[in-house]
Amino acid sequence: MKKNIDMGEEKLSALEMYLAQKNTTLDDELTKYAEQLYAKTVPQNVRDYIEMTSVKRTVKKPKSVPDKESGTGVPGQI
């Protein structure tokens, strides 16, 4: 996620400095907040749908294994 922050450089620098003292970063904190805002704003059924479709994309179909005798991916075919 790449978004611009409309904040003065001095404020941004100070924020990053104090977040570093707490062993965190601005990116980490913004990601946490964005997730909270997403959960609060986007209806549960939409979040479920998005989760289901993203799981389908990550599951890859196994490639067919060549048959030892014929050298094809289908057993018994030449």
C-alpha atoms as a PDB file:
ATOM      1  CA  MET A   1       0.000   0.000   0.000  1.00  0.00           C
ATOM      2  CA  LYS A   2       1.482   3.277  -1.032  1.00  0.00           C
ATOM      3  CA  LYS A   3      -0.306   6.430   0.110  1.00  0.00           C
ATOM      4  CA  ASN A   4       0.869   9.963   0.669  1.00  0.00           C
ATOM      5  CA  ILE A   5       0.614  11.612   4.068  1.00  0.00           C
ATOM      6  CA  ASP A   6      -0.236  15.298   4.065  1.00  0.00           C
ATOM      7  CA  MET A   7       1.801  16.366   7.077  1.00  0.00           C
ATOM      8  CA  GLY A   8       4.659  18.795   7.545  1.00  0.00           C
ATOM      9  CA  GLU A   9       8.158  17.331   7.351  1.00  0.00           C
ATOM     10  CA  GLU A  10       9.008  18.371  10.919  1.00  0.00           C
ATOM     11  CA  LYS A  11       5.868  16.737  12.313  1.00  0.00           C
ATOM     12  CA  LEU A  12       6.495  13.580  10.304  1.00  0.00           C
ATOM     13  CA  SER A  13      10.117  13.440  11.421  1.00  0.00           C
ATOM     14  CA  ALA A  14       9.135  13.891  15.085  1.00  0.00           C
ATOM     15  CA  LEU A  15       6.467  11.225  14.789  1.00  0.00           C
ATOM     16  CA  GLU A  16       8.911   8.742  13.276  1.00  0.00           C
ATOM     17  CA  MET A  17      11.496   9.535  15.966  1.00  0.00           C
ATOM     18  CA  TYR A  18       9.090   8.900  18.850  1.00  0.00           C
ATOM     19  CA  LEU A  19       7.640   5.795  17.222  1.00  0.00           C
ATOM     20  CA  ALA A  20      11.193   4.432  16.919  1.00  0.00           C
ATOM     21  CA  GLN A  21      11.618   4.920  20.677  1.00  0.00           C
ATOM     22  CA  LYS A  22       8.598   2.641  21.088  1.00  0.00           C
ATOM     23  CA  ASN A  23      10.197   0.082  18.727  1.00  0.00           C
ATOM     24  CA  THR A  24       7.647   0.594  15.977  1.00  0.00           C
ATOM     25  CA  THR A  25       7.401   2.400  12.666  1.00  0.00           C
ATOM     26  CA  LEU A  26       4.918   4.676  11.001  1.00  0.00           C
ATOM     27  CA  ASP A  27       4.206   1.983   8.400  1.00  0.00           C
ATOM     28  CA  ASP A  28       3.439  -0.566  11.129  1.00  0.00           C
ATOM     29  CA  GLU A  29       1.130   1.809  12.978  1.00  0.00           C
ATOM     30  CA  LEU A  30      -0.675   2.920   9.826  1.00  0.00           C
ATOM     31  CA  THR A  31      -1.155  -0.702   8.778  1.00  0.00           C
ATOM     32  CA  LYS A  32      -2.666  -1.544  12.186  1.00  0.00           C
ATOM     33  CA  TYR A  33      -4.984   1.450  11.997  1.00  0.00           C
ATOM     34  CA  ALA A  34      -5.989   0.680   8.408  1.00  0.00           C
ATOM     35  CA  GLU A  35      -6.878  -2.900   9.423  1.00  0.00           C
ATOM     36  CA  GLN A  36      -8.983  -1.596  12.337  1.00  0.00           C
ATOM     37  CA  LEU A  37     -10.708   0.927  10.083  1.00  0.00           C
ATOM     38  CA  TYR A  38     -11.331  -1.780   7.464  1.00  0.00           C
ATOM     39  CA  ALA A  39     -12.891  -4.101  10.074  1.00  0.00           C
ATOM     40  CA  LYS A  40     -15.033  -1.255  11.420  1.00  0.00           C
ATOM     41  CA  THR A  41     -16.154   0.097   8.038  1.00  0.00           C
ATOM     42  CA  VAL A  42     -16.425  -2.795   5.561  1.00  0.00           C
ATOM     43  CA  PRO A  43     -19.415  -5.092   6.192  1.00  0.00           C
ATOM     44  CA  GLN A  44     -18.597  -8.604   7.436  1.00  0.00           C
ATOM     45  CA  ASN A  45     -20.070 -10.350   4.387  1.00  0.00           C
ATOM     46  CA  VAL A  46     -17.835  -8.301   2.075  1.00  0.00           C
ATOM     47  CA  ARG A  47     -14.749  -9.068   4.190  1.00  0.00           C
ATOM     48  CA  ASP A  48     -15.669 -12.780   4.107  1.00  0.00           C
ATOM     49  CA  TYR A  49     -16.017 -12.677   0.324  1.00  0.00           C
ATOM     50  CA  ILE A  50     -12.680 -10.915  -0.097  1.00  0.00           C
ATOM     51  CA  GLU A  51     -11.003 -13.449   2.183  1.00  0.00           C
ATOM     52  CA  MET A  52     -12.537 -16.367   0.254  1.00  0.00           C
ATOM     53  CA  THR A  53     -11.424 -15.011  -3.113  1.00  0.00           C
ATOM     54  CA  SER A  54      -7.914 -14.219  -1.888  1.00  0.00           C
ATOM     55  CA  VAL A  55      -7.549 -17.787  -0.532  1.00  0.00           C
ATOM     56  CA  LYS A  56      -8.572 -19.203  -3.916  1.00  0.00           C
ATOM     57  CA  ARG A  57      -5.867 -17.158  -5.636  1.00  0.00           C
ATOM     58  CA  THR A  58      -3.146 -18.436  -3.314  1.00  0.00           C
ATOM     59  CA  VAL A  59      -4.046 -22.115  -3.783  1.00  0.00           C
ATOM     60  CA  LYS A  60      -2.327 -23.318  -6.942  1.00  0.00           C
ATOM     61  CA  LYS A  61      -3.363 -26.324  -8.960  1.00  0.00           C
ATOM     62  CA  PRO A  62      -0.747 -29.083  -8.958  1.00  0.00           C
ATOM     63  CA  LYS A  63       0.982 -29.636 -12.272  1.00  0.00           C
ATOM     64  CA  SER A  64       0.410 -32.984 -13.920  1.00  0.00           C
ATOM     65  CA  VAL A  65       3.266 -35.375 -13.355  1.00  0.00           C
ATOM     66  CA  PRO A  66       4.558 -36.991 -16.566  1.00  0.00           C
ATOM     67  CA  ASP A  67       3.801 -40.684 -16.889  1.00  0.00           C
ATOM     68  CA  LYS A  68       7.062 -42.632 -16.654  1.00  0.00           C
ATOM     69  CA  GLU A  69       6.316 -44.866 -19.654  1.00  0.00           C
ATOM     70  CA  SER A  70       4.808 -42.450 -22.162  1.00  0.00           C
ATOM     71  CA  GLY A  71       6.346 -39.172 -21.044  1.00  0.00           C
ATOM     72  CA  THR A  72       2.906 -37.484 -21.084  1.00  0.00           C
ATOM     73  CA  GLY A  73       0.957 -36.106 -18.160  1.00  0.00           C
ATOM     74  CA  VAL A  74      -1.846 -38.614 -18.772  1.00  0.00           C
ATOM     75  CA  PRO A  75      -1.232 -42.246 -17.756  1.00  0.00           C
ATOM     76  CA  GLY A  76      -1.576 -44.724 -20.605  1.00  0.00           C
ATOM     77  CA  GLN A  77      -1.397 -42.119 -23.419  1.00  0.00           C
ATOM     78  CA  ILE A  78       1.399 -42.081 -25.959  1.00  0.00           C
END
